[in-house]
Amino acid sequence: MPLSPNERLFEYQIIRRLGQGAFGTVYLAHDTLLDRSVAIKELTIATQTDEAAFKRFMQEARAAGSLNHRHIVTVHALKIRSIGILDFYDFSTSEVT
């Protein structure tokens, strides 16, 4: 189900949709507890229900979550089966916010 601007999801307030890829849709959100911008990836229904696709997503999330490099998005959390919380990179300034 698409997320809407100003919608709350756990401690995150959705700001806007950033884009869509093979695994799901990515949104810019505000972490209201830590006062920072994050990217939220909401998995597609197909990814959620296809065990092989979900396993591949989890492997990639775990791999990215174990790395710390300025050119790799950090995974901060996985919430329920369909939501991932990641660093938000503002490519207009090349800064992590």
C-alpha atoms as a PDB file:
ATOM      1  CA  MET A   1       0.000   0.000   0.000  1.00  0.00           C
ATOM      2  CA  PRO A   2       1.593   3.330  -1.040  1.00  0.00           C
ATOM      3  CA  LEU A   3       2.611   5.679   1.754  1.00  0.00           C
ATOM      4  CA  SER A   4       1.353   9.272   1.694  1.00  0.00           C
ATOM      5  CA  PRO A   5       3.058  12.537   2.696  1.00  0.00           C
ATOM      6  CA  ASN A   6       2.606  13.291   6.425  1.00  0.00           C
ATOM      7  CA  GLU A   7       1.651   9.664   7.128  1.00  0.00           C
ATOM      8  CA  ARG A   8       3.321   8.210  10.237  1.00  0.00           C
ATOM      9  CA  LEU A   9       4.989   4.809  10.143  1.00  0.00           C
ATOM     10  CA  PHE A  10       6.430   3.896  13.526  1.00  0.00           C
ATOM     11  CA  GLU A  11       8.582   6.904  14.486  1.00  0.00           C
ATOM     12  CA  TYR A  12       8.949   8.060  10.876  1.00  0.00           C
ATOM     13  CA  GLN A  13       6.920  10.776   9.169  1.00  0.00           C
ATOM     14  CA  ILE A  14       6.708  10.364   5.401  1.00  0.00           C
ATOM     15  CA  ILE A  15       7.781  13.465   3.481  1.00  0.00           C
ATOM     16  CA  ARG A  16       7.631  12.351  -0.156  1.00  0.00           C
ATOM     17  CA  ARG A  17       8.147   9.500  -2.613  1.00  0.00           C
ATOM     18  CA  LEU A  18      11.677   9.376  -4.050  1.00  0.00           C
ATOM     19  CA  GLY A  19      11.393   6.564  -6.574  1.00  0.00           C
ATOM     20  CA  GLN A  20      10.689   2.940  -7.300  1.00  0.00           C
ATOM     21  CA  GLY A  21      12.910  -0.024  -8.071  1.00  0.00           C
ATOM     22  CA  ALA A  22      12.743  -3.786  -8.448  1.00  0.00           C
ATOM     23  CA  PHE A  23      12.333  -4.486  -4.713  1.00  0.00           C
ATOM     24  CA  GLY A  24       9.997  -1.621  -3.836  1.00  0.00           C
ATOM     25  CA  THR A  25       9.265   2.075  -3.460  1.00  0.00           C
ATOM     26  CA  VAL A  26      11.595   4.466  -1.624  1.00  0.00           C
ATOM     27  CA  TYR A  27      10.359   7.426   0.413  1.00  0.00           C
ATOM     28  CA  LEU A  28      12.071  10.330   2.129  1.00  0.00           C
ATOM     29  CA  ALA A  29      11.018  10.394   5.783  1.00  0.00           C
ATOM     30  CA  HIS A  30      11.860  12.176   9.010  1.00  0.00           C
ATOM     31  CA  ASP A  31      12.922  10.130  12.029  1.00  0.00           C
ATOM     32  CA  THR A  32      11.008  11.969  14.762  1.00  0.00           C
ATOM     33  CA  LEU A  33      13.002  10.355  17.581  1.00  0.00           C
ATOM     34  CA  LEU A  34      16.512  11.045  16.280  1.00  0.00           C
ATOM     35  CA  ASP A  35      15.611  14.195  14.287  1.00  0.00           C
ATOM     36  CA  ARG A  36      17.197  13.100  11.017  1.00  0.00           C
ATOM     37  CA  SER A  37      16.229  12.314   7.449  1.00  0.00           C
ATOM     38  CA  VAL A  38      16.038   8.674   6.398  1.00  0.00           C
ATOM     39  CA  ALA A  39      15.022   6.755   3.326  1.00  0.00           C
ATOM     40  CA  ILE A  40      12.323   4.123   3.775  1.00  0.00           C
ATOM     41  CA  LYS A  41      12.035   1.261   1.330  1.00  0.00           C
ATOM     42  CA  GLU A  42       8.578  -0.325   1.205  1.00  0.00           C
ATOM     43  CA  LEU A  43       8.802  -3.707  -0.493  1.00  0.00           C
ATOM     44  CA  THR A  44       6.478  -4.639  -3.323  1.00  0.00           C
ATOM     45  CA  ILE A  45       3.851  -7.297  -2.642  1.00  0.00           C
ATOM     46  CA  ALA A  46       5.724  -9.533  -5.103  1.00  0.00           C
ATOM     47  CA  THR A  47       8.955  -9.210  -3.102  1.00  0.00           C
ATOM     48  CA  GLN A  48       7.125  -9.784   0.187  1.00  0.00           C
ATOM     49  CA  THR A  49       5.399 -12.944  -1.021  1.00  0.00           C
ATOM     50  CA  ASP A  50       8.126 -14.466  -3.218  1.00  0.00           C
ATOM     51  CA  GLU A  51      10.381 -16.319  -0.765  1.00  0.00           C
ATOM     52  CA  ALA A  52      13.397 -16.285  -3.111  1.00  0.00           C
ATOM     53  CA  ALA A  53      13.064 -12.526  -3.764  1.00  0.00           C
ATOM     54  CA  PHE A  54      12.562 -11.791  -0.057  1.00  0.00           C
ATOM     55  CA  LYS A  55      15.588 -13.916   0.848  1.00  0.00           C
ATOM     56  CA  ARG A  56      17.688 -12.015  -1.735  1.00  0.00           C
ATOM     57  CA  PHE A  57      16.472  -8.679  -0.294  1.00  0.00           C
ATOM     58  CA  MET A  58      17.366  -9.806   3.244  1.00  0.00           C
ATOM     59  CA  GLN A  59      20.837 -10.954   2.135  1.00  0.00           C
ATOM     60  CA  GLU A  60      21.482  -7.574   0.504  1.00  0.00           C
ATOM     61  CA  ALA A  61      20.152  -5.703   3.560  1.00  0.00           C
ATOM     62  CA  ARG A  62      22.342  -7.713   5.933  1.00  0.00           C
ATOM     63  CA  ALA A  63      25.392  -7.221   3.722  1.00  0.00           C
ATOM     64  CA  ALA A  64      24.801  -3.460   3.450  1.00  0.00           C
ATOM     65  CA  GLY A  65      24.064  -3.250   7.176  1.00  0.00           C
ATOM     66  CA  SER A  66      27.420  -4.797   8.024  1.00  0.00           C
ATOM     67  CA  LEU A  67      29.399  -2.282   5.951  1.00  0.00           C
ATOM     68  CA  ASN A  68      30.392   1.289   6.712  1.00  0.00           C
ATOM     69  CA  HIS A  69      31.547   3.137   3.612  1.00  0.00           C
ATOM     70  CA  ARG A  70      30.710   6.564   2.242  1.00  0.00           C
ATOM     71  CA  HIS A  71      29.601   5.073  -1.100  1.00  0.00           C
ATOM     72  CA  ILE A  72      27.311   2.414   0.399  1.00  0.00           C
ATOM     73  CA  VAL A  73      23.903   3.195   1.880  1.00  0.00           C
ATOM     74  CA  THR A  74      23.738   2.078   5.509  1.00  0.00           C
ATOM     75  CA  VAL A  75      20.764  -0.035   6.565  1.00  0.00           C
ATOM     76  CA  HIS A  76      19.574   1.143   9.990  1.00  0.00           C
ATOM     77  CA  ALA A  77      16.609  -1.137  10.613  1.00  0.00           C
ATOM     78  CA  LEU A  78      14.184  -3.613   9.162  1.00  0.00           C
ATOM     79  CA  LYS A  79      10.638  -3.086  10.411  1.00  0.00           C
ATOM     80  CA  ILE A  80       8.143  -5.868   9.819  1.00  0.00           C
ATOM     81  CA  ARG A  81       8.435  -7.897   6.652  1.00  0.00           C
ATOM     82  CA  SER A  82       7.957  -5.020   4.238  1.00  0.00           C
ATOM     83  CA  ILE A  83       9.905  -1.985   5.498  1.00  0.00           C
ATOM     84  CA  GLY A  84      13.623  -1.114   5.473  1.00  0.00           C
ATOM     85  CA  ILE A  85      15.117   2.065   6.989  1.00  0.00           C
ATOM     86  CA  LEU A  86      18.231   3.436   5.266  1.00  0.00           C
ATOM     87  CA  ASP A  87      20.488   6.478   5.123  1.00  0.00           C
ATOM     88  CA  PHE A  88      19.095   9.286   2.999  1.00  0.00           C
ATOM     89  CA  TYR A  89      21.636  10.797   0.602  1.00  0.00           C
ATOM     90  CA  ASP A  90      20.870  14.229  -0.797  1.00  0.00           C
ATOM     91  CA  PHE A  91      22.568  13.863  -4.180  1.00  0.00           C
ATOM     92  CA  SER A  92      22.187  17.572  -4.903  1.00  0.00           C
ATOM     93  CA  THR A  93      24.739  18.184  -2.126  1.00  0.00           C
ATOM     94  CA  SER A  94      26.362  14.716  -1.928  1.00  0.00           C
ATOM     95  CA  GLU A  95      25.750  14.720   1.829  1.00  0.00           C
ATOM     96  CA  VAL A  96      24.183  12.164   4.116  1.00  0.00           C
ATOM     97  CA  THR A  97      21.429  13.844   6.120  1.00  0.00           C
END
